[in-house]
C-alpha atoms as a PDB file:
ATOM      1  CA  MET A   1      -5.387  -6.483  18.284  1.00  0.00           C
ATOM      2  CA  ASP A   2      -8.705  -6.913  16.469  1.00  0.00           C
ATOM      3  CA  THR A   3      -8.027  -7.310  12.761  1.00  0.00           C
ATOM      4  CA  SER A   4     -11.553  -8.297  11.764  1.00  0.00           C
ATOM      5  CA  ASP A   5     -11.661  -5.168   9.583  1.00  0.00           C
ATOM      6  CA  ASN A   6      -9.227  -6.886   7.178  1.00  0.00           C
ATOM      7  CA  SER A   7      -6.621  -4.146   7.485  1.00  0.00           C
ATOM      8  CA  LEU A   8      -3.021  -5.171   6.854  1.00  0.00           C
ATOM      9  CA  THR A   9       0.248  -4.510   8.612  1.00  0.00           C
ATOM     10  CA  ILE A  10       3.010  -3.081   6.455  1.00  0.00           C
ATOM     11  CA  LEU A  11       4.637  -6.519   6.258  1.00  0.00           C
ATOM     12  CA  GLU A  12       1.333  -8.174   5.286  1.00  0.00           C
ATOM     13  CA  PHE A  13       0.763  -5.496   2.641  1.00  0.00           C
ATOM     14  CA  CYS A  14       4.244  -6.037   1.213  1.00  0.00           C
ATOM     15  CA  ARG A  15       3.710  -9.779   1.043  1.00  0.00           C
ATOM     16  CA  ALA A  16       0.274  -9.397  -0.562  1.00  0.00           C
ATOM     17  CA  GLU A  17       1.565  -6.933  -3.169  1.00  0.00           C
ATOM     18  CA  LYS A  18       4.849  -8.802  -3.656  1.00  0.00           C
ATOM     19  CA  VAL A  19       7.064  -5.808  -2.908  1.00  0.00           C
ATOM     20  CA  CYS A  20       9.939  -5.738  -0.470  1.00  0.00           C
ATOM     21  CA  ARG A  21       9.771  -3.458   2.546  1.00  0.00           C
ATOM     22  CA  ALA A  22      12.544  -1.255   1.133  1.00  0.00           C
ATOM     23  CA  THR A  23      10.410  -0.642  -1.952  1.00  0.00           C
ATOM     24  CA  PHE A  24       7.423   0.117   0.273  1.00  0.00           C
ATOM     25  CA  TYR A  25       9.371   2.757   2.214  1.00  0.00           C
ATOM     26  CA  ASN A  26      10.846   4.210  -0.990  1.00  0.00           C
ATOM     27  CA  LEU A  27       7.320   4.548  -2.392  1.00  0.00           C
ATOM     28  CA  LYS A  28       6.149   6.224   0.840  1.00  0.00           C
ATOM     29  CA  LYS A  29       9.103   8.630   0.699  1.00  0.00           C
ATOM     30  CA  ALA A  30       8.207   9.484  -2.911  1.00  0.00           C
ATOM     31  CA  GLY A  31       4.585  10.126  -1.917  1.00  0.00           C
ATOM     32  CA  LYS A  32       3.384   7.022  -3.752  1.00  0.00           C
ATOM     33  CA  GLY A  33       2.699   4.687  -0.851  1.00  0.00           C
ATOM     34  CA  PRO A  34      -0.703   3.697   0.500  1.00  0.00           C
ATOM     35  CA  ARG A  35      -2.432   5.705   3.218  1.00  0.00           C
ATOM     36  CA  LEU A  36      -1.597   4.445   6.692  1.00  0.00           C
ATOM     37  CA  MET A  37      -3.681   4.505   9.820  1.00  0.00           C
ATOM     38  CA  LYS A  38      -2.142   4.309  13.262  1.00  0.00           C
ATOM     39  CA  VAL A  39      -3.762   1.877  15.663  1.00  0.00           C
ATOM     40  CA  GLY A  40      -2.043   2.155  19.023  1.00  0.00           C
ATOM     41  CA  SER A  41       1.643   1.936  18.197  1.00  0.00           C
ATOM     42  CA  HIS A  42       1.068   0.004  14.969  1.00  0.00           C
ATOM     43  CA  TYR A  43       0.439   1.148  11.416  1.00  0.00           C
ATOM     44  CA  ARG A  44      -2.227  -0.570   9.305  1.00  0.00           C
ATOM     45  CA  ILE A  45      -3.437  -0.282   5.727  1.00  0.00           C
ATOM     46  CA  SER A  46      -7.180  -0.488   5.188  1.00  0.00           C
ATOM     47  CA  PRO A  47      -8.686  -2.419   2.279  1.00  0.00           C
ATOM     48  CA  GLN A  48      -9.854   0.902   0.796  1.00  0.00           C
ATOM     49  CA  ALA A  49      -6.372   2.428   1.066  1.00  0.00           C
ATOM     50  CA  ARG A  50      -4.919  -0.641  -0.633  1.00  0.00           C
ATOM     51  CA  ALA A  51      -7.489  -0.473  -3.448  1.00  0.00           C
ATOM     52  CA  ASP A  52      -6.880   3.270  -3.903  1.00  0.00           C
ATOM     53  CA  TRP A  53      -3.124   2.674  -3.984  1.00  0.00           C
ATOM     54  CA  ARG A  54      -3.492  -0.008  -6.668  1.00  0.00           C
ATOM     55  CA  ARG A  55      -5.716   2.240  -8.799  1.00  0.00           C
ATOM     56  CA  ALA A  56      -3.210   5.075  -8.523  1.00  0.00           C
ATOM     57  CA  ARG A  57      -0.299   2.830  -9.530  1.00  0.00           C
ATOM     58  CA  GLU A  58      -2.328   1.440 -12.463  1.00  0.00           C
ATOM     59  CA  ALA A  59      -3.235   4.958 -13.610  1.00  0.00           C
ATOM     60  CA  GLU A  60       0.389   6.022 -13.333  1.00  0.00           C
ATOM     61  CA  ALA A  61       1.515   3.033 -15.412  1.00  0.00           C
ATOM     62  CA  ALA A  62      -1.134   3.740 -18.044  1.00  0.00           C
ATOM     63  CA  ALA A  63      -0.077   7.390 -18.252  1.00  0.00           C
ATOM     64  CA  GLU A  64       3.509   6.257 -18.811  1.00  0.00           C
ATOM     65  CA  GLY A  65       2.386   3.814 -21.511  1.00  0.00           C
ATOM     66  CA  VAL A  66       3.459   0.749 -19.536  1.00  0.00           C
ATOM     67  CA  GLY A  67       1.833  -2.465 -20.727  1.00  0.00           C
ATOM     68  CA  GLN A  68       0.535  -1.059 -23.993  1.00  0.00           C
END
């Protein structure tokens, strides 16, 4: 599989973001997970999807007053 586009597997994403896979799937179920793309039989997360996901989580935290 060519990964020169810097996309991540779900496991790589979880490691990079320091979340367990259960949390990842709970976020997806709640509609708060990153966008996935299917490549063959595998799911990948693009750098843009990861960046968008982080911005959305940061905005959500700010709206809730977290970290203020």
